[in-house]
Protein backbone atom coordinates (compact mmCIF):
# COMPACT_ATOMS: atom_id res chain seq x y z
CA MET A 1 -42.16 85.41 -14.46
CA LEU A 2 -41.74 81.98 -16.22
CA VAL A 3 -39.55 83.14 -19.27
CA GLY A 4 -37.45 85.58 -16.88
CA VAL A 5 -36.89 83.22 -13.92
CA ILE A 6 -38.46 79.60 -14.17
CA VAL A 7 -37.06 78.69 -17.66
CA PRO A 8 -33.67 80.05 -17.04
CA ILE A 9 -33.46 78.13 -13.78
CA GLY A 10 -34.79 74.86 -15.23
CA GLU A 11 -32.41 75.23 -18.32
CA GLU A 12 -29.10 75.93 -16.54
CA LEU A 13 -29.68 73.23 -14.28
CA PHE A 14 -30.32 70.76 -17.14
CA PHE A 15 -27.81 72.07 -19.91
CA ARG A 16 -25.05 73.43 -17.86
CA GLY A 17 -25.49 71.54 -14.59
CA LEU A 18 -26.28 68.08 -16.04
CA VAL A 19 -25.08 68.11 -19.72
CA PHE A 20 -22.16 70.24 -19.50
CA GLY A 21 -21.17 68.51 -16.08
CA ALA A 22 -21.17 65.26 -17.61
CA LEU A 23 -19.49 66.27 -20.64
CA ARG A 24 -16.81 68.14 -18.66
CA ARG A 25 -15.97 65.02 -16.54
CA ARG A 26 -15.00 63.20 -19.64
CA LEU A 27 -13.78 65.99 -22.07
CA ASN A 28 -11.95 69.05 -21.97
CA ARG A 29 -13.58 72.27 -21.03
CA HIS A 30 -14.10 73.70 -24.61
CA LEU A 31 -15.07 70.59 -26.41
CA ALA A 32 -17.82 70.29 -23.43
CA ALA A 33 -18.80 73.78 -23.77
CA PHE A 34 -19.15 73.56 -27.21
CA LEU A 35 -21.03 70.43 -27.44
CA SER A 36 -23.44 71.40 -24.61
CA ALA A 37 -24.04 74.68 -26.21
CA LEU A 38 -24.80 72.77 -29.70
CA PHE A 39 -27.14 70.65 -27.69
CA PHE A 40 -28.87 73.67 -26.00
CA THR A 41 -29.06 75.46 -29.52
CA ALA A 42 -30.93 72.36 -31.08
CA ALA A 43 -33.28 71.96 -28.26
CA HIS A 44 -34.79 75.86 -29.15
CA LEU A 45 -35.52 74.86 -32.58
CA GLU A 46 -35.05 78.51 -33.97
CA PRO A 47 -32.74 78.06 -36.95
CA ALA A 48 -32.80 82.12 -37.55
CA ALA A 49 -31.29 82.73 -34.11
CA ALA A 50 -29.20 79.63 -33.97
CA LEU A 51 -26.00 81.63 -34.02
CA SER A 52 -26.86 83.70 -31.10
CA ILE A 53 -28.29 80.89 -29.20
CA LEU A 54 -24.96 78.84 -29.74
CA MET A 55 -22.95 82.02 -28.46
CA LEU A 56 -25.33 82.29 -25.46
CA GLY A 57 -24.91 78.60 -24.71
CA LEU A 58 -21.01 79.05 -25.08
CA VAL A 59 -21.01 82.12 -22.43
CA LEU A 60 -23.27 80.12 -20.31
CA ALA A 61 -21.12 77.21 -20.04
CA TYR A 62 -17.81 79.31 -19.58
CA THR A 63 -19.60 81.20 -17.00
CA TYR A 64 -20.59 78.09 -15.22
CA GLU A 65 -16.76 76.74 -15.74
CA TYR A 66 -15.11 79.49 -14.25
CA THR A 67 -17.29 80.40 -11.45
CA GLY A 68 -18.39 76.90 -10.40
CA SER A 69 -21.70 78.09 -9.65
CA LEU A 70 -25.00 78.03 -11.93
CA VAL A 71 -26.23 81.17 -10.31
CA PRO A 72 -24.46 83.66 -12.54
CA GLY A 73 -25.75 81.83 -15.58
CA MET A 74 -29.30 81.77 -14.67
CA ILE A 75 -29.29 85.38 -13.82
CA ALA A 76 -27.65 86.03 -17.32
CA HIS A 77 -30.07 83.73 -19.17
CA GLY A 78 -33.08 85.42 -17.33
CA VAL A 79 -31.76 88.92 -18.50
CA ASN A 80 -31.22 87.53 -21.77
CA ASN A 81 -34.93 86.15 -22.09
CA LEU A 82 -36.43 89.22 -20.81
CA MET A 83 -34.42 91.36 -23.36
CA ALA A 84 -35.53 89.21 -26.03
CA LEU A 85 -39.24 88.97 -24.73
CA PHE A 86 -39.15 93.25 -24.50
CA ALA A 87 -37.79 93.58 -28.00
CA PHE A 88 -40.34 90.90 -29.30
CA TYR A 89 -42.98 93.30 -27.79
CA GLN A 90 -41.49 96.30 -29.03
CA ASN A 91 -41.56 95.18 -32.64
CA PRO A 92 -44.01 92.10 -32.96
CA PRO A 93 -43.55 90.05 -36.42
CA GLY A 94 -46.46 90.44 -39.05
């Protein structure tokens, strides 16, 4: 519940609603999307997954940009988190 619902809602409100929104008011959409995705990646502290997190951040920023709503990104983020959690439990490290 936490990983699939609560975390995605909070992260989308912060990273896309607040960070991307503030950057978007000052910069063009592409630079705002990239910088917010970079911040999203850095906040996750997962060097091995940095590229995939960056790509997810870009997709979520553009989703918000084109739909005007955080809800589709929240859903996509939740699905992504649940798939990652499922994959982890199917093949745990070590």
